[in-house]
Amino acid sequence: MDIESIGSVLKKKGHDICSIAPGATVYDAIALMAAKDMAAVLVISEGNLVGIISARDYGRKVILAGKSSKDVRVQEVMTSSLVTVTPETTVLDAMALMTRHHIRHLPVLKEGKLDGVISMGDLVSEVISGQAFTIDQLKKYISS
């Protein structure tokens, strides 16, 4: 299997970014995730990536803490120590990074600027499609 880059994954997936402001309520963030069928959204302030908030953050830092999502601000529960990758990072390296840090979403920075976000699901799909292509090529080789 050719080792694909995160840049090639973003070309196929797109560079769309779903984000929310740090001062928004957690309720607004969860509503946005539900509307977009996502498990996390990036937190952007004045054009800069400052964090990420996930359904996991909501469960652990709001629900289990007995707080109300309408009273808690995103900045209070977001993850601000971000793990990021560049478009040149390989899919396998990104998967290893996500596994090591127990995360499912990675912001992609190109020359220091936010270029997109990838999920573990995006990477697994890429690996599976690469394997399917390899299997197909092997079948054609064997049958010729």
C-alpha atoms as a PDB file:
ATOM      1  CA  MET A   1       0.000   0.000   0.000  1.00  0.00           C
ATOM      2  CA  ASP A   2       1.304   3.430  -0.859  1.00  0.00           C
ATOM      3  CA  ILE A   3       1.635   5.580   2.214  1.00  0.00           C
ATOM      4  CA  GLU A   4      -0.871   8.368   1.769  1.00  0.00           C
ATOM      5  CA  SER A   5      -0.380  11.794   3.264  1.00  0.00           C
ATOM      6  CA  ILE A   6      -2.855  13.769   5.321  1.00  0.00           C
ATOM      7  CA  GLY A   7      -2.847  16.314   2.491  1.00  0.00           C
ATOM      8  CA  SER A   8      -4.209  13.691   0.088  1.00  0.00           C
ATOM      9  CA  VAL A   9      -6.903  12.734   2.609  1.00  0.00           C
ATOM     10  CA  LEU A  10      -7.939  16.397   2.884  1.00  0.00           C
ATOM     11  CA  LYS A  11      -8.076  16.715  -0.917  1.00  0.00           C
ATOM     12  CA  LYS A  12     -10.645  13.899  -0.994  1.00  0.00           C
ATOM     13  CA  LYS A  13     -12.506  14.879   2.165  1.00  0.00           C
ATOM     14  CA  GLY A  14     -12.388  18.633   1.819  1.00  0.00           C
ATOM     15  CA  HIS A  15     -11.027  21.414   3.969  1.00  0.00           C
ATOM     16  CA  ASP A  16     -14.301  22.361   5.650  1.00  0.00           C
ATOM     17  CA  ILE A  17     -13.918  23.355   9.267  1.00  0.00           C
ATOM     18  CA  CYS A  18     -16.724  23.373  11.808  1.00  0.00           C
ATOM     19  CA  SER A  19     -15.907  25.740  14.646  1.00  0.00           C
ATOM     20  CA  ILE A  20     -17.281  27.607  17.619  1.00  0.00           C
ATOM     21  CA  ALA A  21     -16.089  30.547  19.723  1.00  0.00           C
ATOM     22  CA  PRO A  22     -14.610  29.931  23.188  1.00  0.00           C
ATOM     23  CA  GLY A  23     -17.275  32.126  24.800  1.00  0.00           C
ATOM     24  CA  ALA A  24     -20.178  30.107  23.394  1.00  0.00           C
ATOM     25  CA  THR A  25     -22.072  27.791  25.708  1.00  0.00           C
ATOM     26  CA  VAL A  26     -21.357  24.087  25.728  1.00  0.00           C
ATOM     27  CA  TYR A  27     -25.036  23.657  24.819  1.00  0.00           C
ATOM     28  CA  ASP A  28     -24.399  25.579  21.584  1.00  0.00           C
ATOM     29  CA  ALA A  29     -21.366  23.403  20.847  1.00  0.00           C
ATOM     30  CA  ILE A  30     -23.335  20.187  21.400  1.00  0.00           C
ATOM     31  CA  ALA A  31     -26.204  21.505  19.256  1.00  0.00           C
ATOM     32  CA  LEU A  32     -23.707  22.293  16.479  1.00  0.00           C
ATOM     33  CA  MET A  33     -22.191  18.808  16.731  1.00  0.00           C
ATOM     34  CA  ALA A  34     -25.666  17.266  16.517  1.00  0.00           C
ATOM     35  CA  ALA A  35     -26.639  19.402  13.513  1.00  0.00           C
ATOM     36  CA  LYS A  36     -23.429  18.515  11.661  1.00  0.00           C
ATOM     37  CA  ASP A  37     -23.363  14.866  12.853  1.00  0.00           C
ATOM     38  CA  MET A  38     -19.911  15.362  14.351  1.00  0.00           C
ATOM     39  CA  ALA A  39     -18.292  14.313  17.615  1.00  0.00           C
ATOM     40  CA  ALA A  40     -16.054  17.381  17.988  1.00  0.00           C
ATOM     41  CA  VAL A  41     -15.696  20.973  16.828  1.00  0.00           C
ATOM     42  CA  LEU A  42     -12.678  23.240  16.731  1.00  0.00           C
ATOM     43  CA  VAL A  43     -12.596  26.300  18.959  1.00  0.00           C
ATOM     44  CA  ILE A  44     -11.456  29.425  17.146  1.00  0.00           C
ATOM     45  CA  SER A  45     -10.873  32.875  18.592  1.00  0.00           C
ATOM     46  CA  GLU A  46      -9.995  35.870  16.425  1.00  0.00           C
ATOM     47  CA  GLY A  47      -9.067  33.549  13.561  1.00  0.00           C
ATOM     48  CA  ASN A  48      -6.758  31.400  15.676  1.00  0.00           C
ATOM     49  CA  LEU A  49      -7.188  27.785  16.694  1.00  0.00           C
ATOM     50  CA  VAL A  50      -7.312  27.743  20.495  1.00  0.00           C
ATOM     51  CA  GLY A  51      -8.846  24.367  21.272  1.00  0.00           C
ATOM     52  CA  ILE A  52     -11.221  21.558  20.480  1.00  0.00           C
ATOM     53  CA  ILE A  53     -14.371  20.442  22.270  1.00  0.00           C
ATOM     54  CA  SER A  54     -15.668  16.923  21.908  1.00  0.00           C
ATOM     55  CA  ALA A  55     -18.628  14.875  23.030  1.00  0.00           C
ATOM     56  CA  ARG A  56     -16.153  13.192  25.397  1.00  0.00           C
ATOM     57  CA  ASP A  57     -15.315  16.587  26.981  1.00  0.00           C
ATOM     58  CA  TYR A  58     -19.041  17.225  27.391  1.00  0.00           C
ATOM     59  CA  GLY A  59     -19.653  13.901  29.075  1.00  0.00           C
ATOM     60  CA  ARG A  60     -16.687  14.050  31.412  1.00  0.00           C
ATOM     61  CA  LYS A  61     -16.467  17.738  32.245  1.00  0.00           C
ATOM     62  CA  VAL A  62     -20.109  18.807  32.174  1.00  0.00           C
ATOM     63  CA  ILE A  63     -22.513  15.896  32.663  1.00  0.00           C
ATOM     64  CA  LEU A  64     -20.429  13.888  35.143  1.00  0.00           C
ATOM     65  CA  ALA A  65     -19.548  17.085  37.008  1.00  0.00           C
ATOM     66  CA  GLY A  66     -23.263  17.836  37.443  1.00  0.00           C
ATOM     67  CA  LYS A  67     -23.077  21.084  35.491  1.00  0.00           C
ATOM     68  CA  SER A  68     -25.560  22.537  33.010  1.00  0.00           C
ATOM     69  CA  SER A  69     -24.438  22.826  29.393  1.00  0.00           C
ATOM     70  CA  LYS A  70     -26.324  26.127  29.147  1.00  0.00           C
ATOM     71  CA  ASP A  71     -24.265  27.624  31.988  1.00  0.00           C
ATOM     72  CA  VAL A  72     -20.781  26.377  31.046  1.00  0.00           C
ATOM     73  CA  ARG A  73     -18.666  28.111  28.397  1.00  0.00           C
ATOM     74  CA  VAL A  74     -16.699  26.161  25.811  1.00  0.00           C
ATOM     75  CA  GLN A  75     -13.420  27.682  27.050  1.00  0.00           C
ATOM     76  CA  GLU A  76     -13.995  26.100  30.475  1.00  0.00           C
ATOM     77  CA  VAL A  77     -14.036  22.518  29.172  1.00  0.00           C
ATOM     78  CA  MET A  78     -12.258  22.532  25.816  1.00  0.00           C
ATOM     79  CA  THR A  79      -8.961  20.788  25.283  1.00  0.00           C
ATOM     80  CA  SER A  80      -6.393  23.502  24.676  1.00  0.00           C
ATOM     81  CA  SER A  81      -3.181  21.472  24.544  1.00  0.00           C
ATOM     82  CA  LEU A  82      -3.682  20.383  20.965  1.00  0.00           C
ATOM     83  CA  VAL A  83      -1.986  17.652  19.018  1.00  0.00           C
ATOM     84  CA  THR A  84      -1.764  18.682  15.354  1.00  0.00           C
ATOM     85  CA  VAL A  85      -0.356  17.375  12.082  1.00  0.00           C
ATOM     86  CA  THR A  86       0.719  18.865   8.773  1.00  0.00           C
ATOM     87  CA  PRO A  87      -0.421  17.868   5.275  1.00  0.00           C
ATOM     88  CA  GLU A  88       2.900  16.023   4.848  1.00  0.00           C
ATOM     89  CA  THR A  89       2.238  13.699   7.811  1.00  0.00           C
ATOM     90  CA  THR A  90       1.515  10.151   6.674  1.00  0.00           C
ATOM     91  CA  VAL A  91      -1.815   8.496   7.422  1.00  0.00           C
ATOM     92  CA  LEU A  92      -0.073   5.791   9.452  1.00  0.00           C
ATOM     93  CA  ASP A  93       1.900   8.348  11.491  1.00  0.00           C
ATOM     94  CA  ALA A  94      -1.312  10.287  12.185  1.00  0.00           C
ATOM     95  CA  MET A  95      -3.062   7.095  13.297  1.00  0.00           C
ATOM     96  CA  ALA A  96      -0.185   6.279  15.631  1.00  0.00           C
ATOM     97  CA  LEU A  97      -0.297   9.807  17.061  1.00  0.00           C
ATOM     98  CA  MET A  98      -4.041   9.588  17.663  1.00  0.00           C
ATOM     99  CA  THR A  99      -3.683   6.202  19.321  1.00  0.00           C
ATOM    100  CA  ARG A 100      -0.820   7.367  21.550  1.00  0.00           C
ATOM    101  CA  HIS A 101      -2.748  10.457  22.701  1.00  0.00           C
ATOM    102  CA  HIS A 102      -6.166   8.732  22.895  1.00  0.00           C
ATOM    103  CA  ILE A 103      -7.788  11.260  20.553  1.00  0.00           C
ATOM    104  CA  ARG A 104     -10.078  10.903  17.550  1.00  0.00           C
ATOM    105  CA  HIS A 105      -9.654  14.286  15.822  1.00  0.00           C
ATOM    106  CA  LEU A 106      -6.549  16.066  14.548  1.00  0.00           C
ATOM    107  CA  PRO A 107      -6.387  19.647  13.325  1.00  0.00           C
ATOM    108  CA  VAL A 108      -4.187  19.976  10.235  1.00  0.00           C
ATOM    109  CA  LEU A 109      -1.882  23.004  10.100  1.00  0.00           C
ATOM    110  CA  LYS A 110      -0.289  24.137   6.856  1.00  0.00           C
ATOM    111  CA  GLU A 111       2.490  26.659   7.405  1.00  0.00           C
ATOM    112  CA  GLY A 112       1.027  27.378  10.836  1.00  0.00           C
ATOM    113  CA  LYS A 113      -2.483  28.060   9.520  1.00  0.00           C
ATOM    114  CA  LEU A 114      -5.499  25.814  10.034  1.00  0.00           C
ATOM    115  CA  ASP A 115      -6.050  23.777   6.851  1.00  0.00           C
ATOM    116  CA  GLY A 116      -8.669  21.260   7.992  1.00  0.00           C
ATOM    117  CA  VAL A 117      -9.387  18.535  10.477  1.00  0.00           C
ATOM    118  CA  ILE A 118      -9.290  14.770  10.155  1.00  0.00           C
ATOM    119  CA  SER A 119     -10.888  12.081  12.248  1.00  0.00           C
ATOM    120  CA  MET A 120      -9.838   8.546  13.022  1.00  0.00           C
ATOM    121  CA  GLY A 121     -12.751   7.477  10.803  1.00  0.00           C
ATOM    122  CA  ASP A 122     -11.262   9.412   7.869  1.00  0.00           C
ATOM    123  CA  LEU A 123      -7.949   7.627   8.353  1.00  0.00           C
ATOM    124  CA  VAL A 124      -9.463   4.168   8.735  1.00  0.00           C
ATOM    125  CA  SER A 125     -11.451   4.723   5.517  1.00  0.00           C
ATOM    126  CA  GLU A 126      -8.256   5.737   3.741  1.00  0.00           C
ATOM    127  CA  VAL A 127      -6.419   2.625   4.915  1.00  0.00           C
ATOM    128  CA  ILE A 128      -9.318   0.358   3.921  1.00  0.00           C
ATOM    129  CA  SER A 129      -9.603   1.894   0.448  1.00  0.00           C
ATOM    130  CA  GLY A 130      -5.837   1.538  -0.008  1.00  0.00           C
ATOM    131  CA  GLN A 131      -6.010  -2.124   0.955  1.00  0.00           C
ATOM    132  CA  ALA A 132      -8.961  -2.727  -1.383  1.00  0.00           C
ATOM    133  CA  PHE A 133      -6.984  -1.182  -4.245  1.00  0.00           C
ATOM    134  CA  THR A 134      -3.956  -3.356  -3.479  1.00  0.00           C
ATOM    135  CA  ILE A 135      -6.093  -6.503  -3.333  1.00  0.00           C
ATOM    136  CA  ASP A 136      -7.731  -5.618  -6.651  1.00  0.00           C
ATOM    137  CA  GLN A 137      -4.323  -5.069  -8.282  1.00  0.00           C
ATOM    138  CA  LEU A 138      -3.057  -8.399  -6.939  1.00  0.00           C
ATOM    139  CA  LYS A 139      -6.145 -10.197  -8.271  1.00  0.00           C
ATOM    140  CA  LYS A 140      -5.599  -8.670 -11.717  1.00  0.00           C
ATOM    141  CA  TYR A 141      -1.930  -9.647 -11.638  1.00  0.00           C
ATOM    142  CA  ILE A 142      -2.691 -13.239 -10.609  1.00  0.00           C
ATOM    143  CA  SER A 143      -5.439 -13.695 -13.195  1.00  0.00           C
ATOM    144  CA  SER A 144      -3.368 -12.353 -16.109  1.00  0.00           C
END
